Amino acid sequence: MTLDVTDEVQRPGARIPLSVTLAAADRTPMPASRAAVELPEGWSADPGSVRLRPSRPGRSATADFVVTIPENASDGTHTIRGVVSTDEWELRAPVRIKVLRNGVALGKPATP
């Protein structure tokens, strides 16, 4: 399972696209499952969860989310987890997002 974000350094109030992808093994089909995102308190994801259709061996399924970082998010590193589950199993994958209020810390030039 992979979790993809466009940029791992963000500002409070940002809306960031996040993709959760689950690939079926070479010889094992993937059953229908549900993808969701576990977020720090106050953060939100749209949609809340996505149903993934069964996939043939060697294929993958992707769920796309938009994560909103609250305006009052504290500076620092926050962990987001993608979760894919069925009635029989659950997989989790983390990604870390650094929230910084200061534009210089985001690699942008300082303005006079």
Foldseek 3Di string as FASTA:
>chain_A
DDKDWPDQEEAAFDKTKIKDKDAAAQQGKAAWKKKAKDFDPPKDKPPRIDIWHIGHHGGMTMDMIIIHGHNPDDFAKTKMWMWIDDPVDIDIDIDIHGYDNDVVVVVDDDDD
